[in-house]
Amino acid sequence: MKVTLRVWRQKDGNSQGKFEEYAAEGLNPNMSFLEMLDVVNEDLIEKGEEPIAFAYDCREGICGTCSCMINGKPHGPENGATTCQTYMRSFKDGDVIVVEPFRAKAFPVQKDLVTDRAAFDSIMQAGGYITSRAGSCQDANAIPISKEIADLAMDAAACIGCGACVAACKNSSAMLFVSAKAGQLNLLPQGQPEKDSRVVNMVSAMDEAGFGNCTNQYECSAACPKLISEEFISKMNRDYLSASVKGLFSAKAL
């Protein structure tokens, strides 16, 4: 199998980037997209050229670092898959594949396909922690939680923070990420004491980081490799409105 790669190359965050073409030959259709990049890089190194910089860690679809735009789609053509879970059999022999980093003001390019997603860390830090005592492992039924709520919390916790939702959104909104991270705690009894402050602080941190506004077109959930529902955004909006009203009345009371 042979494909032509049109890859974004950028020396660092202060340099101008451009697309460069590379021929990838002798590929096995069953190799992953990152394995294909490894093959291309080995060839570049043998030629004495600078290899393509790209991020990865687990290569199992759970770390969220392998964030690439492939032919204009976050992570590539497959649904519910990360870049490392995208295989060359998803493409045709002779295809031209355009590869570039996630594009967002809050995700500045560091080099080639690597972006700085520290903005997500600042949002997580703004969410704080729970004051509910965890202690040692409790019995399964010590804190009653309905299966419906438990399932929803687990769905939210599936977010790996890859940033595909931001890359897919025309406004570079991080609402799906924030709503998932806030939702997984706000749904559970242990997260209730800080529920209001958590959602307000995380939304504020999102705005300060430079993410755009949500216009409810749902590209985010369509591009999410963990298929997280846009309904979490609706829930977070309700939580934020409730927290804001409570804060307004508390301020008036003072």
C-alpha atoms as a PDB file:
ATOM      1  CA  MET A   1       0.000   0.000   0.000  1.00  0.00           C
ATOM      2  CA  LYS A   2       1.219   3.478  -0.879  1.00  0.00           C
ATOM      3  CA  VAL A   3      -0.113   6.882   0.149  1.00  0.00           C
ATOM      4  CA  THR A   4       1.059  10.474  -0.159  1.00  0.00           C
ATOM      5  CA  LEU A   5       1.175  12.457   3.071  1.00  0.00           C
ATOM      6  CA  ARG A   6       0.708  16.209   3.095  1.00  0.00           C
ATOM      7  CA  VAL A   7       1.954  17.037   6.589  1.00  0.00           C
ATOM      8  CA  TRP A   8       2.034  20.338   8.457  1.00  0.00           C
ATOM      9  CA  ARG A   9       5.620  21.157   9.429  1.00  0.00           C
ATOM     10  CA  GLN A  10       6.385  23.933  11.883  1.00  0.00           C
ATOM     11  CA  LYS A  11       9.726  24.352  13.656  1.00  0.00           C
ATOM     12  CA  ASP A  12       8.279  25.892  16.824  1.00  0.00           C
ATOM     13  CA  GLY A  13       5.475  28.070  18.138  1.00  0.00           C
ATOM     14  CA  ASN A  14       7.117  31.255  16.853  1.00  0.00           C
ATOM     15  CA  SER A  15       7.785  30.043  13.313  1.00  0.00           C
ATOM     16  CA  GLN A  16       5.534  29.988  10.284  1.00  0.00           C
ATOM     17  CA  GLY A  17       4.488  26.526   9.181  1.00  0.00           C
ATOM     18  CA  LYS A  18       3.740  24.950   5.837  1.00  0.00           C
ATOM     19  CA  PHE A  19       2.608  21.666   4.318  1.00  0.00           C
ATOM     20  CA  GLU A  20       5.228  19.287   2.983  1.00  0.00           C
ATOM     21  CA  GLU A  21       4.639  16.101   1.008  1.00  0.00           C
ATOM     22  CA  TYR A  22       6.071  12.678   1.760  1.00  0.00           C
ATOM     23  CA  ALA A  23       5.596   9.343   0.031  1.00  0.00           C
ATOM     24  CA  ALA A  24       4.750   6.448   2.356  1.00  0.00           C
ATOM     25  CA  GLU A  25       5.346   3.152   0.578  1.00  0.00           C
ATOM     26  CA  GLY A  26       5.190  -0.541   1.423  1.00  0.00           C
ATOM     27  CA  LEU A  27       2.556  -0.024   4.090  1.00  0.00           C
ATOM     28  CA  ASN A  28       0.553  -2.800   5.702  1.00  0.00           C
ATOM     29  CA  PRO A  29      -3.167  -1.866   5.658  1.00  0.00           C
ATOM     30  CA  ASN A  30      -3.458  -3.237   9.208  1.00  0.00           C
ATOM     31  CA  MET A  31      -0.909  -0.868  10.728  1.00  0.00           C
ATOM     32  CA  SER A  32      -2.188   2.082  12.722  1.00  0.00           C
ATOM     33  CA  PHE A  33      -1.858   5.657  11.546  1.00  0.00           C
ATOM     34  CA  LEU A  34       0.879   6.299  14.117  1.00  0.00           C
ATOM     35  CA  GLU A  35       2.772   3.201  13.004  1.00  0.00           C
ATOM     36  CA  MET A  36       2.630   4.581   9.481  1.00  0.00           C
ATOM     37  CA  LEU A  37       4.126   7.859  10.755  1.00  0.00           C
ATOM     38  CA  ASP A  38       6.864   5.802  12.428  1.00  0.00           C
ATOM     39  CA  VAL A  39       7.711   4.266   9.046  1.00  0.00           C
ATOM     40  CA  VAL A  40       7.841   7.692   7.419  1.00  0.00           C
ATOM     41  CA  ASN A  41      10.054   9.039  10.205  1.00  0.00           C
ATOM     42  CA  GLU A  42      12.473   6.120   9.921  1.00  0.00           C
ATOM     43  CA  ASP A  43      12.855   6.924   6.244  1.00  0.00           C
ATOM     44  CA  LEU A  44      13.406  10.637   7.000  1.00  0.00           C
ATOM     45  CA  ILE A  45      16.031   9.840   9.639  1.00  0.00           C
ATOM     46  CA  GLU A  46      17.882   7.562   7.202  1.00  0.00           C
ATOM     47  CA  LYS A  47      17.943  10.458   4.746  1.00  0.00           C
ATOM     48  CA  GLY A  48      19.308  12.798   7.426  1.00  0.00           C
ATOM     49  CA  GLU A  49      16.112  14.851   7.535  1.00  0.00           C
ATOM     50  CA  GLU A  50      14.125  16.078  10.539  1.00  0.00           C
ATOM     51  CA  PRO A  51      11.436  13.541  11.544  1.00  0.00           C
ATOM     52  CA  ILE A  52       7.810  14.594  11.933  1.00  0.00           C
ATOM     53  CA  ALA A  53       7.001  15.507  15.534  1.00  0.00           C
ATOM     54  CA  PHE A  54       3.759  14.025  16.806  1.00  0.00           C
ATOM     55  CA  ALA A  55       2.426  13.228  20.273  1.00  0.00           C
ATOM     56  CA  TYR A  56       1.557   9.795  21.627  1.00  0.00           C
ATOM     57  CA  ASP A  57       1.707   7.784  24.811  1.00  0.00           C
ATOM     58  CA  CYS A  58      -0.437   4.694  25.325  1.00  0.00           C
ATOM     59  CA  ARG A  59      -1.404   4.005  21.697  1.00  0.00           C
ATOM     60  CA  GLU A  60      -4.469   2.292  23.120  1.00  0.00           C
ATOM     61  CA  GLY A  61      -7.031   5.072  22.780  1.00  0.00           C
ATOM     62  CA  ILE A  62      -7.071   6.100  26.432  1.00  0.00           C
ATOM     63  CA  CYS A  63      -4.468   8.857  26.890  1.00  0.00           C
ATOM     64  CA  GLY A  64      -5.807  11.440  24.430  1.00  0.00           C
ATOM     65  CA  THR A  65      -2.406  12.716  23.304  1.00  0.00           C
ATOM     66  CA  CYS A  66      -2.402  11.502  19.668  1.00  0.00           C
ATOM     67  CA  SER A  67      -4.421  14.473  18.462  1.00  0.00           C
ATOM     68  CA  CYS A  68      -4.232  15.041  14.700  1.00  0.00           C
ATOM     69  CA  MET A  69      -6.532  16.428  12.057  1.00  0.00           C
ATOM     70  CA  ILE A  70      -6.644  13.859   9.274  1.00  0.00           C
ATOM     71  CA  ASN A  71      -8.267  15.024   6.042  1.00  0.00           C
ATOM     72  CA  GLY A  72     -10.028  17.747   8.012  1.00  0.00           C
ATOM     73  CA  LYS A  73     -11.452  15.457  10.694  1.00  0.00           C
ATOM     74  CA  PRO A  74     -10.200  15.167  14.281  1.00  0.00           C
ATOM     75  CA  HIS A  75      -8.481  11.773  14.681  1.00  0.00           C
ATOM     76  CA  GLY A  76      -9.463  10.698  11.173  1.00  0.00           C
ATOM     77  CA  PRO A  77     -12.377   9.142   9.274  1.00  0.00           C
ATOM     78  CA  GLU A  78     -13.466   6.536  11.844  1.00  0.00           C
ATOM     79  CA  ASN A  79     -16.164   7.223  14.452  1.00  0.00           C
ATOM     80  CA  GLY A  80     -15.404   6.600  18.110  1.00  0.00           C
ATOM     81  CA  ALA A  81     -11.666   6.219  17.517  1.00  0.00           C
ATOM     82  CA  THR A  82      -8.518   8.142  18.355  1.00  0.00           C
ATOM     83  CA  THR A  83      -5.660   8.728  15.919  1.00  0.00           C
ATOM     84  CA  CYS A  84      -3.806   5.688  17.250  1.00  0.00           C
ATOM     85  CA  GLN A  85      -6.937   3.582  16.672  1.00  0.00           C
ATOM     86  CA  THR A  86      -7.204   4.716  13.050  1.00  0.00           C
ATOM     87  CA  TYR A  87      -5.800   2.101  10.689  1.00  0.00           C
ATOM     88  CA  MET A  88      -4.462   2.434   7.173  1.00  0.00           C
ATOM     89  CA  ARG A  89      -7.203   0.151   5.894  1.00  0.00           C
ATOM     90  CA  SER A  90      -9.470   3.165   6.368  1.00  0.00           C
ATOM     91  CA  PHE A  91      -7.749   4.712   3.333  1.00  0.00           C
ATOM     92  CA  LYS A  92      -7.298   3.621  -0.270  1.00  0.00           C
ATOM     93  CA  ASP A  93      -4.091   2.781  -2.042  1.00  0.00           C
ATOM     94  CA  GLY A  94      -2.783   5.954  -3.664  1.00  0.00           C
ATOM     95  CA  ASP A  95      -4.721   8.341  -1.417  1.00  0.00           C
ATOM     96  CA  VAL A  96      -3.420  11.787  -0.545  1.00  0.00           C
ATOM     97  CA  ILE A  97      -3.787  12.254   3.217  1.00  0.00           C
ATOM     98  CA  VAL A  98      -3.606  15.711   4.771  1.00  0.00           C
ATOM     99  CA  VAL A  99      -2.323  15.702   8.367  1.00  0.00           C
ATOM    100  CA  GLU A 100      -2.223  18.788  10.577  1.00  0.00           C
ATOM    101  CA  PRO A 101      -2.437  19.696  14.265  1.00  0.00           C
ATOM    102  CA  PHE A 102      -5.646  20.610  16.071  1.00  0.00           C
ATOM    103  CA  ARG A 103      -6.446  24.239  15.284  1.00  0.00           C
ATOM    104  CA  ALA A 104      -7.523  26.439  18.192  1.00  0.00           C
ATOM    105  CA  LYS A 105      -6.275  29.647  19.779  1.00  0.00           C
ATOM    106  CA  ALA A 106      -6.122  27.868  23.134  1.00  0.00           C
ATOM    107  CA  PHE A 107      -4.073  25.005  21.611  1.00  0.00           C
ATOM    108  CA  PRO A 108      -0.927  26.736  20.276  1.00  0.00           C
ATOM    109  CA  VAL A 109       1.286  24.636  18.026  1.00  0.00           C
ATOM    110  CA  GLN A 110       4.585  23.657  19.642  1.00  0.00           C
ATOM    111  CA  LYS A 111       6.084  21.743  16.722  1.00  0.00           C
ATOM    112  CA  ASP A 112       4.653  20.064  13.630  1.00  0.00           C
ATOM    113  CA  LEU A 113       1.635  18.045  14.861  1.00  0.00           C
ATOM    114  CA  VAL A 114       2.178  18.736  18.582  1.00  0.00           C
ATOM    115  CA  THR A 115       0.010  21.307  20.359  1.00  0.00           C
ATOM    116  CA  ASP A 116       0.040  22.677  23.890  1.00  0.00           C
ATOM    117  CA  ARG A 117      -3.225  21.692  25.585  1.00  0.00           C
ATOM    118  CA  ALA A 118      -2.318  23.020  29.031  1.00  0.00           C
ATOM    119  CA  ALA A 119      -5.516  25.086  28.870  1.00  0.00           C
ATOM    120  CA  PHE A 120      -7.415  21.897  29.694  1.00  0.00           C
ATOM    121  CA  ASP A 121      -5.261  21.484  32.803  1.00  0.00           C
ATOM    122  CA  SER A 122      -6.171  24.986  33.985  1.00  0.00           C
ATOM    123  CA  ILE A 123      -9.862  24.165  33.611  1.00  0.00           C
ATOM    124  CA  MET A 124      -9.446  20.970  35.607  1.00  0.00           C
ATOM    125  CA  GLN A 125      -7.572  22.837  38.332  1.00  0.00           C
ATOM    126  CA  ALA A 126     -10.355  25.404  38.490  1.00  0.00           C
ATOM    127  CA  GLY A 127     -12.784  22.575  39.213  1.00  0.00           C
ATOM    128  CA  GLY A 128     -11.045  21.989  42.521  1.00  0.00           C
ATOM    129  CA  TYR A 129     -11.593  18.875  44.579  1.00  0.00           C
ATOM    130  CA  ILE A 130     -14.309  17.240  46.648  1.00  0.00           C
ATOM    131  CA  THR A 131     -14.431  17.765  50.406  1.00  0.00           C
ATOM    132  CA  SER A 132     -16.419  14.594  50.935  1.00  0.00           C
ATOM    133  CA  ARG A 133     -14.217  12.178  52.846  1.00  0.00           C
ATOM    134  CA  ALA A 134     -13.236   9.237  50.699  1.00  0.00           C
ATOM    135  CA  GLY A 135     -11.376   7.238  53.341  1.00  0.00           C
ATOM    136  CA  SER A 136     -10.749   3.597  52.672  1.00  0.00           C
ATOM    137  CA  CYS A 137     -12.730   1.530  50.207  1.00  0.00           C
ATOM    138  CA  GLN A 138     -16.400   1.433  51.185  1.00  0.00           C
ATOM    139  CA  ASP A 139     -18.955  -1.289  50.697  1.00  0.00           C
ATOM    140  CA  ALA A 140     -20.617  -1.164  47.302  1.00  0.00           C
ATOM    141  CA  ASN A 141     -23.954  -0.023  48.724  1.00  0.00           C
ATOM    142  CA  ALA A 142     -22.632   2.367  51.387  1.00  0.00           C
ATOM    143  CA  ILE A 143     -23.617   5.401  49.270  1.00  0.00           C
ATOM    144  CA  PRO A 144     -26.863   4.718  47.392  1.00  0.00           C
ATOM    145  CA  ILE A 145     -26.601   5.796  43.753  1.00  0.00           C
ATOM    146  CA  SER A 146     -29.156   4.825  41.146  1.00  0.00           C
ATOM    147  CA  LYS A 147     -27.926   2.877  38.135  1.00  0.00           C
ATOM    148  CA  GLU A 148     -29.093   5.665  35.825  1.00  0.00           C
ATOM    149  CA  ILE A 149     -26.956   8.264  37.622  1.00  0.00           C
ATOM    150  CA  ALA A 150     -24.004   5.901  37.944  1.00  0.00           C
ATOM    151  CA  ASP A 151     -24.126   5.144  34.214  1.00  0.00           C
ATOM    152  CA  LEU A 152     -24.287   8.848  33.320  1.00  0.00           C
ATOM    153  CA  ALA A 153     -21.340   9.646  35.581  1.00  0.00           C
ATOM    154  CA  MET A 154     -19.319   6.868  33.978  1.00  0.00           C
ATOM    155  CA  ASP A 155     -20.228   8.135  30.506  1.00  0.00           C
ATOM    156  CA  ALA A 156     -18.911  11.584  31.464  1.00  0.00           C
ATOM    157  CA  ALA A 157     -15.778  10.111  33.041  1.00  0.00           C
ATOM    158  CA  ALA A 158     -14.947   8.446  29.713  1.00  0.00           C
ATOM    159  CA  CYS A 159     -13.622  11.801  28.434  1.00  0.00           C
ATOM    160  CA  ILE A 160      -9.874  11.496  27.774  1.00  0.00           C
ATOM    161  CA  GLY A 161      -9.280  15.210  27.232  1.00  0.00           C
ATOM    162  CA  CYS A 162      -7.960  14.810  23.703  1.00  0.00           C
ATOM    163  CA  GLY A 163      -9.428  18.079  22.415  1.00  0.00           C
ATOM    164  CA  ALA A 164     -11.229  16.639  19.383  1.00  0.00           C
ATOM    165  CA  CYS A 165     -14.369  18.500  20.441  1.00  0.00           C
ATOM    166  CA  VAL A 166     -12.463  21.802  20.322  1.00  0.00           C
ATOM    167  CA  ALA A 167     -10.905  21.010  16.946  1.00  0.00           C
ATOM    168  CA  ALA A 168     -14.269  20.050  15.445  1.00  0.00           C
ATOM    169  CA  CYS A 169     -16.088  23.176  16.634  1.00  0.00           C
ATOM    170  CA  LYS A 170     -16.058  26.192  14.319  1.00  0.00           C
ATOM    171  CA  ASN A 171     -15.767  28.383  17.430  1.00  0.00           C
ATOM    172  CA  SER A 172     -13.155  26.188  19.152  1.00  0.00           C
ATOM    173  CA  SER A 173     -15.512  25.724  22.084  1.00  0.00           C
ATOM    174  CA  ALA A 174     -14.536  23.411  24.942  1.00  0.00           C
ATOM    175  CA  MET A 175     -18.072  22.990  26.260  1.00  0.00           C
ATOM    176  CA  LEU A 176     -18.207  19.220  25.737  1.00  0.00           C
ATOM    177  CA  PHE A 177     -14.937  18.691  27.603  1.00  0.00           C
ATOM    178  CA  VAL A 178     -15.903  21.017  30.472  1.00  0.00           C
ATOM    179  CA  SER A 179     -19.409  19.596  30.774  1.00  0.00           C
ATOM    180  CA  ALA A 180     -18.061  16.035  30.907  1.00  0.00           C
ATOM    181  CA  LYS A 181     -15.434  16.846  33.539  1.00  0.00           C
ATOM    182  CA  ALA A 182     -17.873  18.843  35.668  1.00  0.00           C
ATOM    183  CA  GLY A 183     -20.700  16.386  35.089  1.00  0.00           C
ATOM    184  CA  GLN A 184     -18.879  13.299  36.301  1.00  0.00           C
ATOM    185  CA  LEU A 185     -18.586  14.879  39.778  1.00  0.00           C
ATOM    186  CA  ASN A 186     -21.760  16.963  39.838  1.00  0.00           C
ATOM    187  CA  LEU A 187     -23.888  13.892  39.192  1.00  0.00           C
ATOM    188  CA  LEU A 188     -22.591  11.985  42.219  1.00  0.00           C
ATOM    189  CA  PRO A 189     -23.416  12.558  45.907  1.00  0.00           C
ATOM    190  CA  GLN A 190     -19.752  13.149  46.758  1.00  0.00           C
ATOM    191  CA  GLY A 191     -19.619  16.071  44.329  1.00  0.00           C
ATOM    192  CA  GLN A 192     -22.671  17.938  45.573  1.00  0.00           C
ATOM    193  CA  PRO A 193     -21.055  20.265  48.198  1.00  0.00           C
ATOM    194  CA  GLU A 194     -18.865  21.998  45.568  1.00  0.00           C
ATOM    195  CA  LYS A 195     -21.292  21.608  42.666  1.00  0.00           C
ATOM    196  CA  ASP A 196     -22.108  25.308  42.221  1.00  0.00           C
ATOM    197  CA  SER A 197     -18.583  26.669  42.675  1.00  0.00           C
ATOM    198  CA  ARG A 198     -17.158  23.919  40.475  1.00  0.00           C
ATOM    199  CA  VAL A 199     -19.268  24.664  37.432  1.00  0.00           C
ATOM    200  CA  VAL A 200     -18.868  28.443  37.742  1.00  0.00           C
ATOM    201  CA  ASN A 201     -15.097  28.238  38.166  1.00  0.00           C
ATOM    202  CA  MET A 202     -14.603  25.777  35.322  1.00  0.00           C
ATOM    203  CA  VAL A 203     -16.667  27.836  32.880  1.00  0.00           C
ATOM    204  CA  SER A 204     -14.762  30.965  33.893  1.00  0.00           C
ATOM    205  CA  ALA A 205     -11.439  29.182  33.356  1.00  0.00           C
ATOM    206  CA  MET A 206     -12.649  28.015  29.950  1.00  0.00           C
ATOM    207  CA  ASP A 207     -13.461  31.594  28.927  1.00  0.00           C
ATOM    208  CA  GLU A 208     -10.152  32.919  30.252  1.00  0.00           C
ATOM    209  CA  ALA A 209      -8.224  30.269  28.285  1.00  0.00           C
ATOM    210  CA  GLY A 210      -9.623  31.664  25.019  1.00  0.00           C
ATOM    211  CA  PHE A 211     -12.074  28.961  23.974  1.00  0.00           C
ATOM    212  CA  GLY A 212     -15.042  30.089  21.896  1.00  0.00           C
ATOM    213  CA  ASN A 213     -18.766  29.962  22.546  1.00  0.00           C
ATOM    214  CA  CYS A 214     -20.991  26.968  21.899  1.00  0.00           C
ATOM    215  CA  THR A 215     -23.555  27.310  19.103  1.00  0.00           C
ATOM    216  CA  ASN A 216     -25.105  23.860  19.626  1.00  0.00           C
ATOM    217  CA  GLN A 217     -24.293  22.327  16.254  1.00  0.00           C
ATOM    218  CA  TYR A 218     -22.960  19.142  17.893  1.00  0.00           C
ATOM    219  CA  GLU A 219     -19.789  18.692  15.824  1.00  0.00           C
ATOM    220  CA  CYS A 220     -18.127  18.105  19.189  1.00  0.00           C
ATOM    221  CA  SER A 221     -20.030  14.952  20.109  1.00  0.00           C
ATOM    222  CA  ALA A 222     -19.800  13.672  16.526  1.00  0.00           C
ATOM    223  CA  ALA A 223     -15.993  13.951  16.614  1.00  0.00           C
ATOM    224  CA  CYS A 224     -15.537  12.680  20.177  1.00  0.00           C
ATOM    225  CA  PRO A 225     -13.613   9.380  20.170  1.00  0.00           C
ATOM    226  CA  LYS A 226     -15.526   8.329  23.298  1.00  0.00           C
ATOM    227  CA  LEU A 227     -18.909   9.356  21.829  1.00  0.00           C
ATOM    228  CA  ILE A 228     -19.769  11.625  24.772  1.00  0.00           C
ATOM    229  CA  SER A 229     -23.248  13.072  24.343  1.00  0.00           C
ATOM    230  CA  GLU A 230     -23.960  16.762  23.868  1.00  0.00           C
ATOM    231  CA  GLU A 231     -26.645  16.343  26.544  1.00  0.00           C
ATOM    232  CA  PHE A 232     -23.906  16.950  29.116  1.00  0.00           C
ATOM    233  CA  ILE A 233     -23.634  20.487  27.748  1.00  0.00           C
ATOM    234  CA  SER A 234     -27.345  21.042  28.412  1.00  0.00           C
ATOM    235  CA  LYS A 235     -26.939  19.757  31.945  1.00  0.00           C
ATOM    236  CA  MET A 236     -23.949  22.000  32.595  1.00  0.00           C
ATOM    237  CA  ASN A 237     -25.851  25.016  31.276  1.00  0.00           C
ATOM    238  CA  ARG A 238     -28.645  24.284  33.740  1.00  0.00           C
ATOM    239  CA  ASP A 239     -26.164  23.831  36.586  1.00  0.00           C
ATOM    240  CA  TYR A 240     -24.389  27.065  35.646  1.00  0.00           C
ATOM    241  CA  LEU A 241     -27.642  29.036  35.490  1.00  0.00           C
ATOM    242  CA  SER A 242     -28.735  27.666  38.854  1.00  0.00           C
ATOM    243  CA  ALA A 243     -25.362  28.444  40.433  1.00  0.00           C
ATOM    244  CA  SER A 244     -25.343  31.963  38.990  1.00  0.00           C
ATOM    245  CA  VAL A 245     -28.820  32.725  40.330  1.00  0.00           C
ATOM    246  CA  LYS A 246     -27.858  31.414  43.766  1.00  0.00           C
ATOM    247  CA  GLY A 247     -24.739  33.553  43.709  1.00  0.00           C
ATOM    248  CA  LEU A 248     -26.714  36.617  42.707  1.00  0.00           C
ATOM    249  CA  PHE A 249     -29.166  36.215  45.580  1.00  0.00           C
ATOM    250  CA  SER A 250     -26.316  35.528  48.018  1.00  0.00           C
ATOM    251  CA  ALA A 251     -24.600  38.739  46.935  1.00  0.00           C
ATOM    252  CA  LYS A 252     -27.802  40.743  47.408  1.00  0.00           C
ATOM    253  CA  ALA A 253     -28.293  39.250  50.857  1.00  0.00           C
ATOM    254  CA  LEU A 254     -24.851  40.519  51.872  1.00  0.00           C
END
